[in-house]
C-alpha atoms as a PDB file:
ATOM      1  CA  MET A   1     246.140 160.636 299.705  1.00  0.00           C
ATOM      2  CA  ASN A   2     244.612 162.737 296.899  1.00  0.00           C
ATOM      3  CA  GLU A   3     246.753 164.012 294.039  1.00  0.00           C
ATOM      4  CA  GLY A   4     244.414 165.794 291.687  1.00  0.00           C
ATOM      5  CA  GLU A   5     242.106 163.183 290.215  1.00  0.00           C
ATOM      6  CA  ASN A   6     244.270 160.301 291.466  1.00  0.00           C
ATOM      7  CA  VAL A   7     243.900 158.627 294.834  1.00  0.00           C
ATOM      8  CA  LYS A   8     246.987 156.937 296.250  1.00  0.00           C
ATOM      9  CA  ALA A   9     246.403 154.282 298.871  1.00  0.00           C
ATOM     10  CA  ILE A  10     249.153 153.865 301.470  1.00  0.00           C
ATOM     11  CA  GLU A  11     249.433 151.114 304.064  1.00  0.00           C
ATOM     12  CA  ILE A  12     252.188 151.020 306.687  1.00  0.00           C
ATOM     13  CA  LYS A  13     253.900 147.777 307.716  1.00  0.00           C
ATOM     14  CA  SER A  14     256.506 147.309 310.463  1.00  0.00           C
ATOM     15  CA  GLY A  15     258.432 144.487 308.772  1.00  0.00           C
ATOM     16  CA  GLU A  16     261.853 144.896 307.163  1.00  0.00           C
ATOM     17  CA  THR A  17     261.474 142.031 304.684  1.00  0.00           C
ATOM     18  CA  TYR A  18     259.015 142.261 301.791  1.00  0.00           C
ATOM     19  CA  GLU A  19     256.208 139.713 301.715  1.00  0.00           C
ATOM     20  CA  SER A  20     253.649 139.516 298.908  1.00  0.00           C
ATOM     21  CA  GLY A  21     250.922 139.474 301.573  1.00  0.00           C
ATOM     22  CA  TYR A  22     251.730 143.130 302.293  1.00  0.00           C
ATOM     23  CA  PHE A  23     249.431 144.088 299.408  1.00  0.00           C
ATOM     24  CA  LYS A  24     246.490 141.850 300.351  1.00  0.00           C
ATOM     25  CA  ASN A  25     244.338 144.584 301.931  1.00  0.00           C
ATOM     26  CA  LEU A  26     245.351 147.189 299.355  1.00  0.00           C
ATOM     27  CA  LYS A  27     244.408 144.886 296.478  1.00  0.00           C
ATOM     28  CA  TYR A  28     241.003 144.353 298.069  1.00  0.00           C
ATOM     29  CA  TRP A  29     240.498 148.098 298.551  1.00  0.00           C
ATOM     30  CA  GLY A  30     241.749 148.781 295.033  1.00  0.00           C
ATOM     31  CA  GLY A  31     239.138 146.401 293.634  1.00  0.00           C
ATOM     32  CA  LEU A  32     236.354 148.142 295.541  1.00  0.00           C
ATOM     33  CA  SER A  33     237.476 151.654 294.661  1.00  0.00           C
ATOM     34  CA  GLY A  34     238.685 151.059 291.117  1.00  0.00           C
ATOM     35  CA  THR A  35     242.233 152.137 292.017  1.00  0.00           C
ATOM     36  CA  ASP A  36     244.919 150.459 289.902  1.00  0.00           C
ATOM     37  CA  SER A  37     248.149 148.976 291.264  1.00  0.00           C
ATOM     38  CA  ASP A  38     250.170 152.053 290.210  1.00  0.00           C
ATOM     39  CA  ASN A  39     248.467 153.868 293.097  1.00  0.00           C
ATOM     40  CA  LEU A  40     248.752 151.153 295.766  1.00  0.00           C
ATOM     41  CA  ASN A  41     251.687 151.683 298.112  1.00  0.00           C
ATOM     42  CA  VAL A  42     253.175 150.001 301.164  1.00  0.00           C
ATOM     43  CA  VAL A  43     255.568 151.854 303.463  1.00  0.00           C
ATOM     44  CA  TYR A  44     257.791 149.387 305.322  1.00  0.00           C
ATOM     45  CA  ALA A  45     260.893 149.239 307.551  1.00  0.00           C
ATOM     46  CA  GLY A  46     263.165 147.843 304.831  1.00  0.00           C
ATOM     47  CA  ASP A  47     265.640 149.754 302.700  1.00  0.00           C
ATOM     48  CA  GLN A  48     264.724 148.950 299.081  1.00  0.00           C
ATOM     49  CA  LEU A  49     262.307 150.916 296.917  1.00  0.00           C
ATOM     50  CA  LEU A  50     260.493 148.350 294.769  1.00  0.00           C
ATOM     51  CA  ARG A  51     257.798 148.606 292.140  1.00  0.00           C
ATOM     52  CA  THR A  52     255.888 145.356 291.797  1.00  0.00           C
ATOM     53  CA  SER A  53     252.865 144.273 289.791  1.00  0.00           C
ATOM     54  CA  GLN A  54     250.868 144.684 293.015  1.00  0.00           C
ATOM     55  CA  GLY A  55     252.065 148.195 293.834  1.00  0.00           C
ATOM     56  CA  SER A  56     255.059 150.102 295.203  1.00  0.00           C
ATOM     57  CA  LEU A  57     257.052 149.199 298.290  1.00  0.00           C
ATOM     58  CA  ILE A  58     258.578 152.280 299.902  1.00  0.00           C
ATOM     59  CA  PRO A  59     261.160 152.377 302.711  1.00  0.00           C
ATOM     60  CA  TRP A  60     259.894 154.581 305.533  1.00  0.00           C
ATOM     61  CA  GLU A  61     263.124 156.590 305.425  1.00  0.00           C
ATOM     62  CA  GLN A  62     262.361 157.600 301.812  1.00  0.00           C
ATOM     63  CA  ILE A  63     258.710 158.565 302.279  1.00  0.00           C
ATOM     64  CA  THR A  64     259.419 162.314 302.243  1.00  0.00           C
ATOM     65  CA  THR A  65     261.236 162.121 298.879  1.00  0.00           C
ATOM     66  CA  TRP A  66     259.047 159.495 297.180  1.00  0.00           C
ATOM     67  CA  ARG A  67     256.442 160.392 294.567  1.00  0.00           C
END
């Protein structure tokens, strides 16, 4: 997703429980593209919005209000 000069990467997972492996592919892509972890995002079936050192974890029910 493009936001001006920033590119936000979003990956969707079906799990409800966060696992650090959720960011594996995004970290790889971020390394290739030069995108930092602030712009790496996982949408998942859980209910907690979390910001980690690897990126943001976003509940699917909050995707329309998240920025």
